[in-house]
N, C-alpha and C. Protein backbone atom coordinates (compact mmCIF):
# COMPACT_ATOMS: atom_id res chain seq x y z
N MET A 1 88.53 -22.32 -33.14
CA MET A 1 89.12 -21.03 -33.65
C MET A 1 88.07 -20.49 -34.69
N LYS A 2 87.44 -19.28 -34.19
CA LYS A 2 86.93 -18.41 -35.09
C LYS A 2 87.91 -17.76 -35.77
N GLU A 3 87.31 -18.04 -37.25
CA GLU A 3 88.15 -17.20 -38.44
C GLU A 3 87.98 -16.03 -38.18
N GLU A 4 88.65 -15.14 -38.35
CA GLU A 4 88.37 -13.73 -38.79
C GLU A 4 87.84 -13.33 -39.87
N THR A 5 87.14 -12.77 -40.44
CA THR A 5 86.67 -11.71 -41.21
C THR A 5 87.75 -11.10 -41.99
N VAL A 6 88.01 -11.10 -43.25
CA VAL A 6 89.19 -10.02 -43.55
C VAL A 6 88.04 -10.03 -45.19
N ILE A 7 88.14 -8.17 -45.13
CA ILE A 7 87.47 -7.42 -46.18
C ILE A 7 88.77 -7.47 -47.37
N GLY A 8 88.49 -7.71 -48.44
CA GLY A 8 89.57 -7.33 -49.55
C GLY A 8 89.10 -6.57 -50.59
N LEU A 9 90.03 -5.91 -51.62
CA LEU A 9 89.35 -5.51 -52.51
C LEU A 9 89.95 -6.49 -53.77
N VAL A 10 89.21 -6.95 -54.66
CA VAL A 10 89.54 -7.64 -55.54
C VAL A 10 88.87 -7.17 -57.08
N GLU A 11 89.72 -7.47 -58.30
CA GLU A 11 89.26 -6.89 -59.38
C GLU A 11 88.57 -8.49 -60.14
N VAL A 12 87.16 -7.89 -60.51
CA VAL A 12 86.35 -9.44 -61.28
C VAL A 12 86.38 -8.48 -62.49
N ALA A 13 86.65 -9.74 -63.66
CA ALA A 13 86.49 -9.78 -65.18
C ALA A 13 84.92 -9.04 -65.44
N PRO A 14 84.62 -8.68 -66.54
CA PRO A 14 83.38 -8.64 -66.54
C PRO A 14 82.90 -9.79 -67.59
N PHE A 15 81.55 -10.44 -67.32
CA PHE A 15 81.20 -12.14 -67.95
C PHE A 15 79.49 -11.31 -68.01
N LYS A 16 79.45 -12.51 -68.80
CA LYS A 16 77.95 -12.88 -68.91
C LYS A 16 77.66 -13.82 -68.31
N ALA A 17 76.23 -13.81 -68.02
CA ALA A 17 74.96 -14.78 -67.26
C ALA A 17 74.22 -15.30 -67.49
N LEU A 18 73.42 -16.31 -67.47
CA LEU A 18 72.15 -16.72 -67.87
C LEU A 18 71.50 -17.13 -66.22
N ALA A 19 70.51 -15.90 -66.30
CA ALA A 19 70.10 -16.24 -64.61
C ALA A 19 68.40 -16.32 -64.59
N VAL A 20 67.90 -16.45 -63.46
CA VAL A 20 66.32 -16.43 -62.97
C VAL A 20 66.28 -15.91 -62.22
N ARG A 21 65.21 -14.53 -62.23
CA ARG A 21 64.69 -13.33 -61.10
C ARG A 21 64.09 -14.14 -59.84
N THR A 22 64.09 -13.57 -59.05
CA THR A 22 63.42 -14.05 -58.04
C THR A 22 63.36 -13.06 -56.46
N GLY A 23 62.53 -13.28 -55.86
CA GLY A 23 62.13 -11.86 -54.99
C GLY A 23 62.45 -12.70 -53.43
N MET A 24 62.69 -12.21 -52.85
CA MET A 24 62.86 -12.53 -51.05
C MET A 24 61.79 -13.01 -50.78
N THR A 25 61.73 -14.09 -50.02
CA THR A 25 60.26 -14.91 -49.52
C THR A 25 60.74 -15.04 -48.10
N PRO A 26 59.93 -15.13 -47.11
CA PRO A 26 60.01 -15.32 -45.72
C PRO A 26 60.59 -16.33 -45.57
N ASP A 27 60.87 -17.21 -46.22
CA ASP A 27 61.17 -19.02 -46.00
C ASP A 27 62.49 -19.23 -46.60
N LYS A 28 62.54 -17.93 -47.35
CA LYS A 28 64.24 -17.80 -47.54
C LYS A 28 64.77 -19.20 -48.70
N SER A 29 62.96 -19.16 -49.44
CA SER A 29 63.55 -19.98 -50.45
C SER A 29 63.60 -19.74 -52.01
N GLY A 30 63.38 -18.82 -52.31
CA GLY A 30 63.07 -18.18 -53.56
C GLY A 30 64.68 -18.28 -54.24
N THR A 31 65.85 -18.48 -54.01
CA THR A 31 67.13 -18.46 -54.29
C THR A 31 66.82 -20.25 -54.98
N ARG A 32 66.55 -21.10 -53.81
CA ARG A 32 66.43 -22.54 -54.23
C ARG A 32 65.50 -22.78 -55.44
N VAL A 33 64.51 -22.27 -55.56
CA VAL A 33 63.07 -22.14 -56.33
C VAL A 33 63.49 -21.65 -58.09
N ALA A 34 64.62 -20.40 -58.00
CA ALA A 34 65.51 -20.21 -59.10
C ALA A 34 66.11 -20.98 -59.60
N TRP A 35 67.29 -21.49 -59.00
CA TRP A 35 68.19 -22.43 -59.33
C TRP A 35 67.73 -23.70 -60.08
N SER A 36 66.39 -24.25 -58.95
CA SER A 36 65.80 -24.87 -60.30
C SER A 36 65.29 -24.87 -61.27
N LYS A 37 64.65 -23.82 -61.48
CA LYS A 37 64.41 -23.14 -62.72
C LYS A 37 65.39 -23.21 -63.75
N LEU A 38 66.61 -22.05 -63.59
CA LEU A 38 67.65 -22.15 -63.99
C LEU A 38 68.37 -23.72 -64.57
N THR A 39 68.53 -24.61 -63.90
CA THR A 39 68.88 -25.80 -64.44
C THR A 39 68.47 -26.57 -64.99
N GLU A 40 67.25 -26.33 -64.76
CA GLU A 40 66.21 -26.69 -66.07
C GLU A 40 66.28 -26.82 -67.47
N HIS A 41 66.48 -25.47 -67.21
CA HIS A 41 66.32 -24.67 -68.77
C HIS A 41 67.80 -24.83 -68.96
N VAL A 42 69.01 -24.59 -68.17
CA VAL A 42 70.47 -24.71 -68.44
C VAL A 42 71.15 -25.78 -67.67
N PRO A 43 71.66 -26.91 -68.28
CA PRO A 43 71.67 -27.96 -67.50
C PRO A 43 73.55 -27.66 -66.76
N LEU A 44 73.90 -28.08 -66.09
CA LEU A 44 75.12 -28.04 -65.56
C LEU A 44 75.89 -28.52 -66.93
N ASP A 45 75.40 -29.41 -67.91
CA ASP A 45 76.52 -29.65 -68.68
C ASP A 45 76.22 -28.84 -70.00
N ASP A 46 75.43 -27.81 -69.90
CA ASP A 46 75.72 -27.15 -70.93
C ASP A 46 76.46 -26.60 -72.16
N GLU A 47 76.88 -26.40 -73.17
CA GLU A 47 78.29 -26.20 -73.85
C GLU A 47 78.45 -24.50 -73.36
N ARG A 48 77.61 -24.00 -73.52
CA ARG A 48 77.57 -22.21 -72.78
C ARG A 48 78.43 -22.24 -71.81
N LEU A 49 78.38 -22.84 -70.93
CA LEU A 49 78.91 -22.66 -69.67
C LEU A 49 80.32 -22.85 -69.21
N ASN A 50 80.76 -21.86 -68.65
CA ASN A 50 82.18 -21.57 -68.67
C ASN A 50 82.63 -22.95 -67.29
N SER A 51 83.78 -23.13 -66.90
CA SER A 51 83.77 -24.47 -65.85
C SER A 51 83.07 -23.83 -64.72
N VAL A 52 82.28 -24.77 -64.53
CA VAL A 52 81.34 -24.73 -63.53
C VAL A 52 81.59 -24.78 -62.08
N GLN A 53 82.17 -24.00 -61.96
CA GLN A 53 82.51 -24.12 -60.14
C GLN A 53 81.81 -23.50 -59.03
N SER A 54 80.53 -22.32 -59.63
CA SER A 54 80.17 -21.82 -58.52
C SER A 54 78.89 -21.26 -59.38
N ALA A 55 77.80 -20.91 -58.49
CA ALA A 55 76.76 -20.54 -58.82
C ALA A 55 76.56 -18.73 -58.32
N PHE A 56 76.48 -17.93 -58.74
CA PHE A 56 75.86 -16.60 -58.60
C PHE A 56 74.67 -15.86 -58.33
N VAL A 57 74.66 -14.95 -57.07
CA VAL A 57 73.43 -14.71 -56.66
C VAL A 57 73.83 -13.73 -56.58
N PHE A 58 73.03 -12.52 -57.49
CA PHE A 58 72.78 -11.01 -57.85
C PHE A 58 72.16 -10.14 -57.37
N ILE A 59 72.36 -9.18 -56.72
CA ILE A 59 71.81 -8.70 -55.80
C ILE A 59 71.88 -7.07 -56.55
N PRO A 60 71.23 -5.92 -56.85
CA PRO A 60 71.17 -4.68 -57.61
C PRO A 60 71.34 -4.27 -56.57
N GLN A 61 72.60 -3.54 -56.51
CA GLN A 61 73.22 -2.66 -55.34
C GLN A 61 72.48 -1.61 -54.70
N GLN A 62 71.60 -1.05 -55.49
CA GLN A 62 71.23 0.33 -55.04
C GLN A 62 70.24 -0.22 -54.06
N GLN A 63 69.63 -1.47 -54.06
CA GLN A 63 68.97 -2.19 -52.84
C GLN A 63 69.61 -1.87 -51.94
N TRP A 64 70.96 -1.91 -51.48
CA TRP A 64 71.39 -2.12 -49.95
C TRP A 64 70.53 -0.68 -49.18
N ASP A 65 70.16 0.02 -50.06
CA ASP A 65 69.99 1.02 -48.88
C ASP A 65 68.30 1.23 -48.54
N LYS A 66 67.65 -0.14 -49.18
CA LYS A 66 66.18 0.42 -48.50
C LYS A 66 66.09 -1.27 -48.10
N GLU A 67 65.60 -2.01 -49.30
CA GLU A 67 65.46 -3.78 -49.07
C GLU A 67 65.56 -4.23 -49.92
N VAL A 68 66.25 -5.49 -49.87
CA VAL A 68 66.95 -6.11 -50.61
C VAL A 68 65.29 -6.93 -51.06
N ASP A 69 64.76 -6.43 -52.58
CA ASP A 69 63.62 -7.68 -52.84
C ASP A 69 63.84 -8.53 -54.02
N THR A 70 64.89 -7.89 -54.95
CA THR A 70 64.76 -8.93 -56.34
C THR A 70 66.51 -9.20 -56.20
N LEU A 71 66.52 -10.63 -56.59
CA LEU A 71 67.81 -11.21 -56.89
C LEU A 71 67.72 -11.91 -58.23
N TRP A 72 68.94 -12.28 -58.64
CA TRP A 72 68.91 -13.16 -59.70
C TRP A 72 69.74 -14.23 -59.18
N VAL A 73 69.30 -15.63 -59.55
CA VAL A 73 70.60 -16.66 -59.20
C VAL A 73 71.10 -16.91 -60.53
N GLY A 74 72.15 -17.06 -60.88
CA GLY A 74 72.33 -17.40 -62.03
C GLY A 74 73.90 -18.00 -62.42
N LEU A 75 74.32 -18.46 -63.68
CA LEU A 75 75.44 -19.51 -63.94
C LEU A 75 75.97 -18.02 -65.17
N LYS A 76 77.65 -18.19 -64.93
CA LYS A 76 78.27 -17.56 -65.91
C LYS A 76 78.69 -18.41 -67.41
N VAL A 77 78.43 -17.80 -68.28
CA VAL A 77 78.42 -18.38 -69.44
C VAL A 77 79.58 -17.76 -70.59
N LYS A 78 79.61 -18.49 -71.46
CA LYS A 78 80.98 -17.80 -72.33
C LYS A 78 79.77 -17.16 -73.46
N GLU A 79 78.53 -17.47 -74.29
CA GLU A 79 77.67 -16.45 -74.95
C GLU A 79 76.25 -17.04 -74.20
N PHE A 80 75.83 -16.01 -74.71
CA PHE A 80 73.92 -16.47 -74.32
C PHE A 80 73.48 -17.46 -74.95
N GLY A 81 73.51 -17.44 -76.34
CA GLY A 81 72.76 -18.57 -77.56
C GLY A 81 71.50 -18.39 -77.10
N ILE A 82 70.42 -19.73 -77.49
CA ILE A 82 68.89 -18.65 -77.40
C ILE A 82 68.75 -19.26 -75.93
N VAL A 83 67.82 -18.37 -75.40
CA VAL A 83 67.71 -17.96 -74.04
C VAL A 83 66.42 -18.58 -74.33
N PRO A 84 66.30 -19.47 -73.01
CA PRO A 84 64.83 -20.15 -72.95
C PRO A 84 63.77 -18.85 -72.34
N GLU A 85 63.06 -19.44 -72.41
CA GLU A 85 61.88 -18.62 -71.49
C GLU A 85 61.89 -18.47 -70.03
N GLY A 86 61.72 -17.59 -69.20
CA GLY A 86 62.30 -17.58 -67.67
C GLY A 86 62.96 -17.04 -67.69
N VAL A 87 64.24 -17.50 -68.36
CA VAL A 87 65.67 -17.03 -67.95
C VAL A 87 66.02 -15.91 -68.80
N GLU A 88 66.72 -14.59 -67.61
CA GLU A 88 67.53 -13.73 -68.19
C GLU A 88 68.82 -13.61 -68.91
N THR A 89 69.46 -12.62 -69.79
CA THR A 89 70.77 -12.67 -69.84
C THR A 89 71.41 -11.15 -68.72
N LEU A 90 72.42 -11.67 -68.09
CA LEU A 90 73.15 -10.37 -67.37
C LEU A 90 74.17 -10.08 -67.96
N GLU A 91 74.61 -8.61 -68.27
CA GLU A 91 76.31 -8.58 -68.59
C GLU A 91 76.75 -7.81 -67.13
N VAL A 92 77.25 -8.32 -66.55
CA VAL A 92 78.37 -8.14 -65.64
C VAL A 92 79.46 -7.03 -66.12
N SER A 93 79.38 -6.17 -65.56
CA SER A 93 80.60 -5.08 -65.82
C SER A 93 81.74 -5.33 -65.27
N GLY A 94 82.01 -6.01 -63.83
CA GLY A 94 83.11 -6.57 -63.39
C GLY A 94 83.57 -5.46 -62.47
N GLY A 95 84.75 -5.38 -62.20
CA GLY A 95 85.68 -3.95 -62.00
C GLY A 95 85.90 -4.28 -60.25
N LEU A 96 86.50 -3.57 -59.93
CA LEU A 96 86.99 -3.56 -58.35
C LEU A 96 85.66 -4.17 -57.39
N CYS A 97 85.94 -5.04 -56.66
CA CYS A 97 84.93 -5.29 -55.30
C CYS A 97 85.67 -4.84 -54.32
N ALA A 98 84.71 -5.06 -53.53
CA ALA A 98 84.89 -5.28 -51.55
C ALA A 98 84.65 -6.49 -51.96
N SER A 99 85.16 -7.61 -51.42
CA SER A 99 85.08 -9.06 -50.84
C SER A 99 85.38 -9.95 -49.68
N ALA A 100 84.56 -10.82 -49.24
CA ALA A 100 84.55 -11.44 -47.84
C ALA A 100 84.06 -13.01 -48.11
N ARG A 101 84.65 -13.37 -47.19
CA ARG A 101 83.76 -14.99 -47.53
C ARG A 101 83.31 -15.58 -46.10
N VAL A 102 82.24 -16.00 -46.14
CA VAL A 102 81.33 -16.30 -45.36
C VAL A 102 81.47 -17.60 -45.56
N TYR A 103 81.79 -18.80 -44.05
CA TYR A 103 82.17 -19.63 -43.86
C TYR A 103 81.84 -19.98 -42.48
N GLY A 104 80.43 -20.62 -42.31
CA GLY A 104 80.02 -20.24 -40.99
C GLY A 104 78.41 -20.73 -40.79
N ASP A 105 78.04 -20.62 -39.64
CA ASP A 105 76.91 -20.79 -39.37
C ASP A 105 75.93 -19.56 -39.89
N GLU A 106 74.62 -19.16 -39.46
CA GLU A 106 73.51 -18.16 -39.40
C GLU A 106 74.21 -16.91 -38.82
N THR A 107 74.36 -17.18 -38.08
CA THR A 107 75.00 -15.90 -36.94
C THR A 107 75.95 -15.41 -37.39
N SER A 108 77.23 -16.27 -37.73
CA SER A 108 78.55 -15.64 -38.36
C SER A 108 78.56 -15.35 -39.87
N MET A 109 77.26 -15.63 -40.52
CA MET A 109 77.05 -15.10 -42.01
C MET A 109 76.48 -13.68 -41.53
N TRP A 110 75.69 -13.37 -40.61
CA TRP A 110 75.38 -12.50 -40.35
C TRP A 110 76.24 -11.20 -39.85
N GLY A 111 76.98 -12.21 -39.49
CA GLY A 111 78.24 -10.98 -38.97
C GLY A 111 79.33 -10.39 -39.58
N VAL A 112 79.21 -11.45 -41.05
CA VAL A 112 80.13 -11.17 -41.87
C VAL A 112 79.50 -10.07 -42.61
N TYR A 113 78.31 -9.93 -42.79
CA TYR A 113 77.67 -9.04 -43.38
C TYR A 113 77.53 -7.45 -42.68
N GLU A 114 77.50 -7.72 -41.72
CA GLU A 114 77.76 -6.33 -40.68
C GLU A 114 79.37 -5.65 -41.19
N LYS A 115 80.06 -6.39 -41.14
CA LYS A 115 81.66 -6.25 -41.15
C LYS A 115 81.84 -5.65 -42.14
N MET A 116 81.29 -6.72 -43.54
CA MET A 116 81.58 -5.82 -44.88
C MET A 116 80.70 -4.22 -44.71
N PHE A 117 79.39 -4.39 -44.51
CA PHE A 117 78.78 -3.16 -44.51
C PHE A 117 79.61 -1.64 -43.73
N SER A 118 80.18 -2.00 -42.56
CA SER A 118 80.56 -1.45 -41.53
C SER A 118 82.32 -0.79 -42.50
N TRP A 119 82.91 -1.83 -42.91
CA TRP A 119 83.84 -0.94 -43.29
C TRP A 119 83.91 -0.18 -44.43
N LEU A 120 82.73 -0.41 -45.35
CA LEU A 120 82.63 0.29 -46.77
C LEU A 120 82.09 1.31 -45.97
N GLU A 121 81.62 1.85 -45.43
CA GLU A 121 80.74 3.11 -44.31
C GLU A 121 81.98 3.51 -43.82
N GLN A 122 83.07 2.85 -43.05
CA GLN A 122 84.30 3.40 -42.41
C GLN A 122 85.50 3.48 -43.93
N SER A 123 85.06 3.15 -44.70
CA SER A 123 86.50 3.43 -45.57
C SER A 123 86.67 4.65 -45.95
N PRO A 124 88.27 5.08 -45.95
CA PRO A 124 88.30 6.63 -46.09
C PRO A 124 88.20 6.64 -47.72
N ASP A 125 88.30 5.47 -48.73
CA ASP A 125 88.85 5.69 -49.86
C ASP A 125 87.46 5.01 -50.99
N TYR A 126 87.10 4.24 -50.20
CA TYR A 126 86.03 3.28 -51.37
C TYR A 126 84.63 3.08 -50.68
N GLU A 127 83.37 3.46 -51.71
CA GLU A 127 81.99 3.09 -51.14
C GLU A 127 81.44 2.51 -52.36
N LEU A 128 80.42 2.11 -51.55
CA LEU A 128 79.78 0.86 -52.74
C LEU A 128 79.16 1.87 -53.81
N ASP A 129 79.28 0.76 -55.29
CA ASP A 129 78.73 1.74 -56.42
C ASP A 129 77.35 1.16 -56.10
N LYS A 130 76.52 1.97 -56.21
CA LYS A 130 75.14 1.84 -56.29
C LYS A 130 74.18 2.42 -57.41
N ARG A 131 75.40 2.71 -58.31
CA ARG A 131 74.75 3.20 -59.76
C ARG A 131 73.73 2.15 -60.26
N ASP A 132 72.47 2.83 -60.81
CA ASP A 132 71.45 1.67 -61.21
C ASP A 132 72.13 0.58 -61.97
N GLY A 133 71.76 -0.30 -62.38
CA GLY A 133 72.32 -1.63 -63.33
C GLY A 133 73.52 -1.99 -62.60
N VAL A 134 74.32 -1.58 -61.60
CA VAL A 134 75.28 -2.29 -60.98
C VAL A 134 74.71 -3.50 -59.92
N LEU A 135 75.61 -4.58 -60.60
CA LEU A 135 75.03 -6.16 -59.67
C LEU A 135 76.19 -6.29 -58.58
N GLY A 136 75.85 -6.58 -57.59
CA GLY A 136 76.82 -7.00 -56.72
C GLY A 136 76.25 -8.35 -56.80
N MET A 137 77.45 -9.35 -56.08
CA MET A 137 77.63 -10.84 -56.07
C MET A 137 78.13 -11.95 -55.37
N GLU A 138 77.21 -13.03 -55.11
CA GLU A 138 78.06 -13.52 -53.89
C GLU A 138 78.15 -15.14 -54.68
N THR A 139 79.11 -15.66 -54.86
CA THR A 139 79.47 -16.72 -55.01
C THR A 139 79.19 -17.87 -54.65
N VAL A 140 78.23 -19.05 -55.09
CA VAL A 140 77.81 -20.29 -54.15
C VAL A 140 79.12 -21.28 -55.10
N PRO A 141 79.77 -21.73 -53.96
CA PRO A 141 80.51 -23.33 -54.49
C PRO A 141 79.03 -24.35 -54.85
N LEU A 142 79.72 -24.99 -55.79
CA LEU A 142 78.64 -26.26 -56.60
C LEU A 142 79.14 -27.69 -55.70
N LYS A 143 80.24 -27.32 -55.11
CA LYS A 143 80.81 -28.44 -54.83
C LYS A 143 82.01 -28.28 -53.43
N PRO A 144 81.65 -29.23 -52.31
CA PRO A 144 81.66 -30.40 -52.34
C PRO A 144 80.01 -30.17 -52.21
N ILE A 145 79.55 -29.38 -51.49
CA ILE A 145 78.03 -29.01 -51.32
C ILE A 145 77.03 -28.09 -52.21
N ASN A 146 76.42 -28.48 -52.62
CA ASN A 146 75.85 -27.11 -53.34
C ASN A 146 74.43 -27.08 -52.23
N ALA A 147 74.71 -25.24 -51.91
CA ALA A 147 73.83 -25.03 -50.82
C ALA A 147 72.37 -24.79 -51.55
N LEU A 148 72.22 -24.35 -52.85
CA LEU A 148 71.24 -24.15 -53.48
C LEU A 148 69.92 -25.01 -53.70
N THR A 149 70.69 -26.48 -53.55
CA THR A 149 69.83 -27.32 -53.53
C THR A 149 69.45 -27.76 -51.55
N ILE A 150 69.66 -27.40 -51.16
CA ILE A 150 69.21 -27.86 -49.63
C ILE A 150 68.39 -26.33 -48.96
N PRO A 151 67.35 -26.97 -48.17
CA PRO A 151 66.08 -25.65 -47.85
C PRO A 151 67.55 -24.98 -47.08
N TYR A 152 67.02 -23.85 -47.03
CA TYR A 152 67.52 -22.75 -46.00
C TYR A 152 67.49 -22.82 -44.72
N SER A 153 66.43 -23.35 -43.87
CA SER A 153 66.58 -24.14 -42.88
C SER A 153 67.42 -24.93 -41.74
N ASP A 154 67.61 -25.73 -43.56
CA ASP A 154 68.79 -27.12 -42.90
C ASP A 154 70.15 -26.57 -42.89
N ILE A 155 70.57 -25.55 -43.65
CA ILE A 155 71.83 -25.36 -43.83
C ILE A 155 72.79 -25.18 -42.65
N LYS A 156 73.56 -26.10 -42.25
CA LYS A 156 74.61 -25.71 -41.15
C LYS A 156 75.60 -24.95 -41.25
N THR A 157 76.30 -24.98 -42.43
CA THR A 157 77.35 -24.10 -42.67
C THR A 157 77.65 -23.12 -44.12
N PHE A 158 76.81 -21.82 -44.09
CA PHE A 158 77.17 -20.89 -45.09
C PHE A 158 78.43 -20.83 -45.40
N ASP A 159 78.72 -21.16 -46.50
CA ASP A 159 79.80 -21.07 -47.42
C ASP A 159 79.65 -20.00 -48.60
N PHE A 160 80.05 -19.03 -48.58
CA PHE A 160 80.39 -18.31 -50.01
C PHE A 160 80.87 -16.66 -50.00
N THR A 161 81.33 -16.49 -51.51
CA THR A 161 82.00 -15.47 -51.11
C THR A 161 80.95 -14.04 -51.69
N MET A 162 81.26 -13.26 -51.02
CA MET A 162 80.49 -11.58 -51.38
C MET A 162 81.76 -11.01 -52.26
N LEU A 163 80.96 -10.56 -53.27
CA LEU A 163 81.83 -9.40 -53.98
C LEU A 163 80.90 -8.02 -54.38
N TYR A 164 80.92 -6.84 -54.09
CA TYR A 164 80.24 -5.98 -53.94
C TYR A 164 80.76 -4.77 -54.86
N PRO A 165 80.81 -4.46 -55.65
CA PRO A 165 81.60 -3.68 -56.50
C PRO A 165 81.40 -2.07 -55.64
N VAL A 166 82.44 -1.32 -55.92
CA VAL A 166 83.00 -0.01 -55.14
C VAL A 166 83.48 0.42 -56.20
N ARG A 167 83.83 2.19 -55.91
CA ARG A 167 84.05 2.64 -56.57
C ARG A 167 85.20 3.74 -55.61
N LYS A 168 85.94 4.52 -56.09
CA LYS A 168 86.18 6.15 -54.93
C LYS A 168 85.39 6.41 -54.84
N LYS A 169 85.64 7.12 -53.57
CA LYS A 169 84.88 7.93 -52.87
C LYS A 169 84.92 9.28 -53.39
N LEU A 170 83.48 10.36 -54.14
CA LEU A 170 83.63 11.40 -54.55
C LEU A 170 84.03 12.35 -52.96
N ILE A 171 84.89 13.14 -53.60
CA ILE A 171 85.47 14.30 -52.42
C ILE A 171 84.58 15.16 -52.31
N LYS A 172 84.00 15.91 -51.31
CA LYS A 172 82.87 16.37 -51.19
C LYS A 172 83.27 17.67 -50.42
């Protein structure tokens, strides 16, 4: 039985992240390369990390209007501390986010993106917050399997949660 996609609203607390910037690559390996660089400099046992349940892929939300070409792969931290070369600091403002869980094959994943953006277009109350500096997030669980260590083409089941900041629609 196919799981129905539910779009919900969740409040995300502000947080700090250490992250590595990447671009979209034709073979979709950019996030995997960034993850490898990140964990080389910030190992999963680094004392700055909050309880490490998931990694984040950050997307500047104004990119949704054109083409997504810049992403960051990051980990939530309590403090930045000494920031290694090649790693950037991100301050995630948090707030109200539209949320949806992706769990399934590539076709189902693209279907959830479609449902998310359709929901955002049709919502009478909310719109995607596309102001400069606002980052959407996709949380990637690290257990039981960390998808960021598997080539994209080998992933059979995509498992992550979309968290895209929204704001009340401006009345026109």
